[in-house]
């Protein structure tokens, strides 16, 4: 969802990635946004989302203040795949671990 704040997304990802993980796949930065998205989602089970989730052990849900993940069909589909595949699913937060970050990167 393009209404999301990139600073909020990055802050939550960086603060919540498990220490033992060496890398992460982020659909926001990985999907070919300038290609035919209709073709990309023609078969959701073979989409880049589904392929990445099959290789993952953990799935981080990153909600933002501007956009609810529960109103976005791809987020719901990703959650479904993660649960069906018995992945560890957790929600990225800022306030729980760092209460002094109520507005990260505010100017």
N, C-alpha and C. Protein backbone atom coordinates (compact mmCIF):
# COMPACT_ATOMS: atom_id res chain seq x y z
N UNK A 1 0.85 -1.18 0.00
CA UNK A 1 0.00 0.00 0.00
C UNK A 1 0.89 1.24 0.00
N UNK A 2 0.74 2.08 -0.97
CA UNK A 2 1.65 3.21 -1.13
C UNK A 2 1.39 4.31 -0.12
N UNK A 3 0.36 4.20 0.69
CA UNK A 3 0.08 5.22 1.71
C UNK A 3 0.96 5.02 2.95
N UNK A 4 1.67 3.92 3.01
CA UNK A 4 2.49 3.63 4.19
C UNK A 4 3.67 4.58 4.29
N UNK A 5 4.10 4.81 5.50
CA UNK A 5 5.29 5.61 5.74
C UNK A 5 6.53 4.72 5.73
N UNK A 6 7.47 5.00 4.86
CA UNK A 6 8.65 4.15 4.72
C UNK A 6 9.52 4.19 5.98
N UNK A 7 9.59 5.34 6.66
CA UNK A 7 10.40 5.41 7.87
C UNK A 7 9.81 4.54 8.98
N UNK A 8 8.49 4.57 9.11
CA UNK A 8 7.84 3.73 10.11
C UNK A 8 8.07 2.25 9.79
N UNK A 9 7.93 1.89 8.53
CA UNK A 9 8.17 0.51 8.10
C UNK A 9 9.59 0.08 8.43
N UNK A 10 10.57 0.87 8.03
CA UNK A 10 11.98 0.52 8.26
C UNK A 10 12.30 0.44 9.75
N UNK A 11 11.82 1.39 10.54
CA UNK A 11 12.07 1.37 11.98
C UNK A 11 11.52 0.09 12.60
N UNK A 12 10.30 -0.26 12.26
CA UNK A 12 9.70 -1.47 12.84
C UNK A 12 10.45 -2.73 12.40
N UNK A 13 10.83 -2.80 11.15
CA UNK A 13 11.57 -3.97 10.68
C UNK A 13 12.91 -4.08 11.39
N UNK A 14 13.66 -2.99 11.43
CA UNK A 14 14.99 -3.03 12.06
C UNK A 14 14.93 -3.34 13.55
N UNK A 15 13.91 -2.87 14.23
CA UNK A 15 13.80 -3.10 15.67
C UNK A 15 13.25 -4.48 16.02
N UNK A 16 12.64 -5.16 15.06
CA UNK A 16 11.95 -6.41 15.38
C UNK A 16 12.48 -7.64 14.68
N UNK A 17 13.43 -7.49 13.78
CA UNK A 17 13.97 -8.67 13.10
C UNK A 17 14.68 -9.53 14.15
N UNK A 18 14.42 -10.84 14.17
CA UNK A 18 15.09 -11.69 15.15
C UNK A 18 16.62 -11.62 15.01
N UNK A 19 17.31 -11.60 16.12
CA UNK A 19 18.77 -11.47 16.12
C UNK A 19 19.47 -12.58 15.32
N UNK A 20 18.86 -13.75 15.28
CA UNK A 20 19.51 -14.88 14.62
C UNK A 20 19.27 -14.90 13.10
N UNK A 21 18.53 -13.95 12.58
CA UNK A 21 18.24 -13.92 11.15
C UNK A 21 19.26 -13.05 10.42
N UNK A 22 19.81 -13.57 9.34
CA UNK A 22 20.84 -12.85 8.59
C UNK A 22 20.25 -12.01 7.46
N UNK A 23 19.01 -12.27 7.09
CA UNK A 23 18.42 -11.53 5.98
C UNK A 23 16.91 -11.58 6.03
N UNK A 24 16.29 -10.81 5.16
CA UNK A 24 14.83 -10.77 5.11
C UNK A 24 14.39 -10.45 3.68
N UNK A 25 13.22 -10.91 3.33
CA UNK A 25 12.61 -10.59 2.05
C UNK A 25 11.45 -9.66 2.33
N UNK A 26 11.41 -8.53 1.69
CA UNK A 26 10.36 -7.54 1.92
C UNK A 26 9.64 -7.27 0.61
N UNK A 27 8.36 -7.63 0.56
CA UNK A 27 7.62 -7.51 -0.70
C UNK A 27 7.55 -6.06 -1.19
N UNK A 28 7.57 -5.11 -0.27
CA UNK A 28 7.52 -3.70 -0.67
C UNK A 28 8.66 -3.34 -1.61
N UNK A 29 9.83 -3.93 -1.37
CA UNK A 29 11.01 -3.60 -2.16
C UNK A 29 11.35 -4.67 -3.20
N UNK A 30 10.64 -5.79 -3.19
CA UNK A 30 11.03 -6.92 -4.03
C UNK A 30 10.15 -7.16 -5.24
N UNK A 31 8.92 -6.73 -5.19
CA UNK A 31 8.03 -6.98 -6.32
C UNK A 31 8.33 -6.04 -7.48
N UNK A 32 8.20 -6.54 -8.69
CA UNK A 32 8.46 -5.70 -9.87
C UNK A 32 7.30 -4.73 -10.09
N UNK A 33 7.30 -3.62 -9.39
CA UNK A 33 6.18 -2.69 -9.40
C UNK A 33 5.91 -2.08 -10.77
N UNK A 34 6.90 -2.05 -11.64
CA UNK A 34 6.71 -1.46 -12.97
C UNK A 34 6.32 -2.50 -14.02
N UNK A 35 6.11 -3.74 -13.61
CA UNK A 35 5.68 -4.78 -14.54
C UNK A 35 4.17 -4.93 -14.50
N UNK A 36 3.67 -5.86 -15.24
CA UNK A 36 2.24 -6.14 -15.29
C UNK A 36 1.83 -6.87 -14.01
N UNK A 37 1.28 -6.13 -13.05
CA UNK A 37 0.89 -6.72 -11.77
C UNK A 37 -0.21 -7.76 -11.97
N UNK A 38 -1.08 -7.55 -12.94
CA UNK A 38 -2.12 -8.52 -13.23
C UNK A 38 -1.54 -9.89 -13.56
N UNK A 39 -0.46 -9.91 -14.33
CA UNK A 39 0.20 -11.18 -14.65
C UNK A 39 0.87 -11.77 -13.42
N UNK A 40 1.41 -10.90 -12.58
CA UNK A 40 2.09 -11.35 -11.36
C UNK A 40 1.13 -12.10 -10.44
N UNK A 41 -0.12 -11.64 -10.38
CA UNK A 41 -1.07 -12.25 -9.45
C UNK A 41 -2.04 -13.21 -10.12
N UNK A 42 -1.79 -13.53 -11.38
CA UNK A 42 -2.65 -14.46 -12.12
C UNK A 42 -2.81 -15.77 -11.34
N UNK A 43 -1.73 -16.28 -10.83
CA UNK A 43 -1.74 -17.50 -10.02
C UNK A 43 -1.08 -17.17 -8.69
N UNK A 44 -1.86 -16.77 -7.68
CA UNK A 44 -1.28 -16.34 -6.40
C UNK A 44 -0.35 -17.37 -5.75
N UNK A 45 -0.60 -18.66 -5.98
CA UNK A 45 0.24 -19.68 -5.35
C UNK A 45 1.65 -19.71 -5.92
N UNK A 46 1.86 -19.12 -7.11
CA UNK A 46 3.22 -19.07 -7.67
C UNK A 46 3.78 -17.65 -7.68
N UNK A 47 3.10 -16.73 -7.00
CA UNK A 47 3.57 -15.35 -6.92
C UNK A 47 4.85 -15.26 -6.10
N UNK A 48 5.55 -14.15 -6.23
CA UNK A 48 6.77 -13.97 -5.44
C UNK A 48 6.47 -14.02 -3.95
N UNK A 49 5.29 -13.57 -3.53
CA UNK A 49 4.89 -13.66 -2.12
C UNK A 49 4.91 -15.12 -1.66
N UNK A 50 4.21 -15.96 -2.43
CA UNK A 50 4.07 -17.36 -2.05
C UNK A 50 5.42 -18.08 -2.07
N UNK A 51 6.23 -17.81 -3.06
CA UNK A 51 7.55 -18.43 -3.15
C UNK A 51 8.41 -18.05 -1.95
N UNK A 52 8.41 -16.77 -1.58
CA UNK A 52 9.19 -16.32 -0.43
C UNK A 52 8.67 -16.93 0.87
N UNK A 53 7.36 -17.01 1.01
CA UNK A 53 6.79 -17.59 2.24
C UNK A 53 7.12 -19.07 2.38
N UNK A 54 7.19 -19.78 1.26
CA UNK A 54 7.55 -21.21 1.34
C UNK A 54 8.98 -21.39 1.85
N UNK A 55 9.85 -20.42 1.58
CA UNK A 55 11.24 -20.51 2.02
C UNK A 55 11.45 -19.93 3.42
N UNK A 56 10.48 -19.23 3.94
CA UNK A 56 10.63 -18.53 5.23
C UNK A 56 10.36 -19.44 6.42
N UNK A 57 10.98 -19.10 7.55
CA UNK A 57 10.65 -19.76 8.81
C UNK A 57 9.81 -18.83 9.69
N UNK A 58 9.98 -17.52 9.49
CA UNK A 58 9.27 -16.51 10.27
C UNK A 58 8.59 -15.53 9.32
N UNK A 59 7.46 -14.99 9.76
CA UNK A 59 6.76 -13.96 8.99
C UNK A 59 6.47 -12.80 9.93
N UNK A 60 7.00 -11.64 9.58
CA UNK A 60 6.80 -10.43 10.37
C UNK A 60 5.68 -9.60 9.72
N UNK A 61 4.64 -9.33 10.49
CA UNK A 61 3.56 -8.46 10.04
C UNK A 61 3.92 -7.05 10.50
N UNK A 62 3.92 -6.10 9.57
CA UNK A 62 4.33 -4.73 9.91
C UNK A 62 3.15 -3.77 9.67
N UNK A 63 2.32 -3.60 10.70
CA UNK A 63 1.22 -2.64 10.55
C UNK A 63 1.76 -1.21 10.64
N UNK A 64 1.10 -0.30 9.95
CA UNK A 64 1.50 1.10 10.02
C UNK A 64 0.30 1.94 10.45
N UNK A 65 0.58 3.15 10.88
CA UNK A 65 -0.48 4.04 11.33
C UNK A 65 -1.44 4.41 10.21
N UNK A 66 -0.97 4.45 8.99
CA UNK A 66 -1.79 4.94 7.88
C UNK A 66 -2.62 3.88 7.19
N UNK A 67 -2.25 2.62 7.31
CA UNK A 67 -2.92 1.60 6.52
C UNK A 67 -3.04 0.31 7.32
N UNK A 68 -4.24 -0.24 7.37
CA UNK A 68 -4.46 -1.49 8.10
C UNK A 68 -4.11 -2.68 7.21
N UNK A 69 -3.31 -3.59 7.74
CA UNK A 69 -2.98 -4.79 6.98
C UNK A 69 -4.22 -5.68 6.81
N UNK A 70 -5.21 -5.51 7.66
CA UNK A 70 -6.40 -6.36 7.62
C UNK A 70 -7.41 -5.92 6.56
N UNK A 71 -7.14 -4.82 5.87
CA UNK A 71 -7.99 -4.37 4.77
C UNK A 71 -7.36 -4.65 3.41
N UNK A 72 -6.23 -5.29 3.42
CA UNK A 72 -5.49 -5.52 2.18
C UNK A 72 -5.47 -7.01 1.86
N UNK A 73 -6.02 -7.37 0.72
CA UNK A 73 -6.19 -8.78 0.37
C UNK A 73 -4.86 -9.53 0.32
N UNK A 74 -3.78 -8.90 -0.15
CA UNK A 74 -2.50 -9.60 -0.21
C UNK A 74 -1.97 -9.88 1.19
N UNK A 75 -2.15 -8.97 2.10
CA UNK A 75 -1.71 -9.20 3.49
C UNK A 75 -2.48 -10.36 4.11
N UNK A 76 -3.77 -10.41 3.82
CA UNK A 76 -4.60 -11.50 4.34
C UNK A 76 -4.17 -12.82 3.71
N UNK A 77 -3.90 -12.81 2.42
CA UNK A 77 -3.44 -14.02 1.73
C UNK A 77 -2.09 -14.49 2.28
N UNK A 78 -1.18 -13.56 2.50
CA UNK A 78 0.13 -13.91 3.07
C UNK A 78 -0.04 -14.52 4.46
N UNK A 79 -0.91 -13.93 5.27
CA UNK A 79 -1.15 -14.47 6.62
C UNK A 79 -1.73 -15.88 6.54
N UNK A 80 -2.65 -16.08 5.63
CA UNK A 80 -3.23 -17.41 5.42
C UNK A 80 -2.14 -18.42 5.06
N UNK A 81 -1.31 -18.07 4.08
CA UNK A 81 -0.23 -18.98 3.68
C UNK A 81 0.72 -19.28 4.83
N UNK A 82 1.05 -18.25 5.60
CA UNK A 82 1.98 -18.43 6.73
C UNK A 82 1.40 -19.37 7.77
N UNK A 83 0.14 -19.17 8.12
CA UNK A 83 -0.50 -20.03 9.13
C UNK A 83 -0.66 -21.45 8.61
N UNK A 84 -1.10 -21.58 7.36
CA UNK A 84 -1.26 -22.91 6.77
C UNK A 84 0.07 -23.66 6.67
N UNK A 85 1.16 -22.94 6.55
CA UNK A 85 2.50 -23.55 6.44
C UNK A 85 3.20 -23.67 7.78
N UNK A 86 2.48 -23.37 8.86
CA UNK A 86 3.04 -23.46 10.22
C UNK A 86 4.27 -22.59 10.43
N UNK A 87 4.27 -21.40 9.85
CA UNK A 87 5.37 -20.46 10.06
C UNK A 87 5.16 -19.73 11.38
N UNK A 88 6.23 -19.22 11.95
CA UNK A 88 6.14 -18.38 13.14
C UNK A 88 5.76 -16.99 12.66
N UNK A 89 4.60 -16.51 13.10
CA UNK A 89 4.09 -15.20 12.68
C UNK A 89 4.11 -14.27 13.88
N UNK A 90 4.67 -13.07 13.70
CA UNK A 90 4.68 -12.09 14.79
C UNK A 90 4.50 -10.69 14.22
N UNK A 91 4.08 -9.78 15.08
CA UNK A 91 3.80 -8.41 14.67
C UNK A 91 4.92 -7.49 15.10
N UNK A 92 5.41 -6.69 14.19
CA UNK A 92 6.46 -5.71 14.48
C UNK A 92 5.85 -4.53 15.21
N UNK A 93 6.53 -4.09 16.25
CA UNK A 93 6.07 -2.94 17.02
C UNK A 93 7.24 -2.02 17.30
N UNK A 94 6.95 -0.83 17.74
CA UNK A 94 7.99 0.08 18.22
C UNK A 94 7.81 0.31 19.70
N UNK A 95 6.60 0.62 20.11
CA UNK A 95 6.35 1.07 21.47
C UNK A 95 6.65 0.01 22.53
N UNK A 96 6.44 -1.27 22.23
CA UNK A 96 6.69 -2.30 23.23
C UNK A 96 8.16 -2.38 23.62
N UNK A 97 9.04 -2.29 22.65
CA UNK A 97 10.47 -2.44 22.95
C UNK A 97 11.17 -1.11 23.19
N UNK A 98 10.65 -0.04 22.59
CA UNK A 98 11.29 1.26 22.69
C UNK A 98 10.22 2.33 22.95
N UNK A 99 9.75 2.45 24.19
CA UNK A 99 8.64 3.36 24.47
C UNK A 99 8.92 4.82 24.14
N UNK A 100 10.19 5.23 24.02
CA UNK A 100 10.50 6.63 23.72
C UNK A 100 10.34 6.95 22.24
N UNK A 101 10.06 5.96 21.38
CA UNK A 101 9.84 6.20 19.96
C UNK A 101 8.34 6.28 19.68
N UNK A 102 7.70 7.36 20.06
CA UNK A 102 6.28 7.44 19.74
C UNK A 102 6.06 7.99 18.34
N UNK A 103 7.01 8.71 17.79
CA UNK A 103 6.95 9.21 16.42
C UNK A 103 8.36 9.12 15.83
N UNK A 104 8.73 7.95 15.29
CA UNK A 104 10.09 7.81 14.76
C UNK A 104 10.37 8.75 13.60
N UNK A 105 11.55 9.30 13.60
CA UNK A 105 12.03 10.16 12.52
C UNK A 105 11.16 11.39 12.29
N UNK A 106 10.45 11.84 13.32
CA UNK A 106 9.62 13.04 13.16
C UNK A 106 10.52 14.25 12.99
N UNK A 107 10.10 15.18 12.15
CA UNK A 107 10.87 16.39 11.89
C UNK A 107 10.19 17.57 12.56
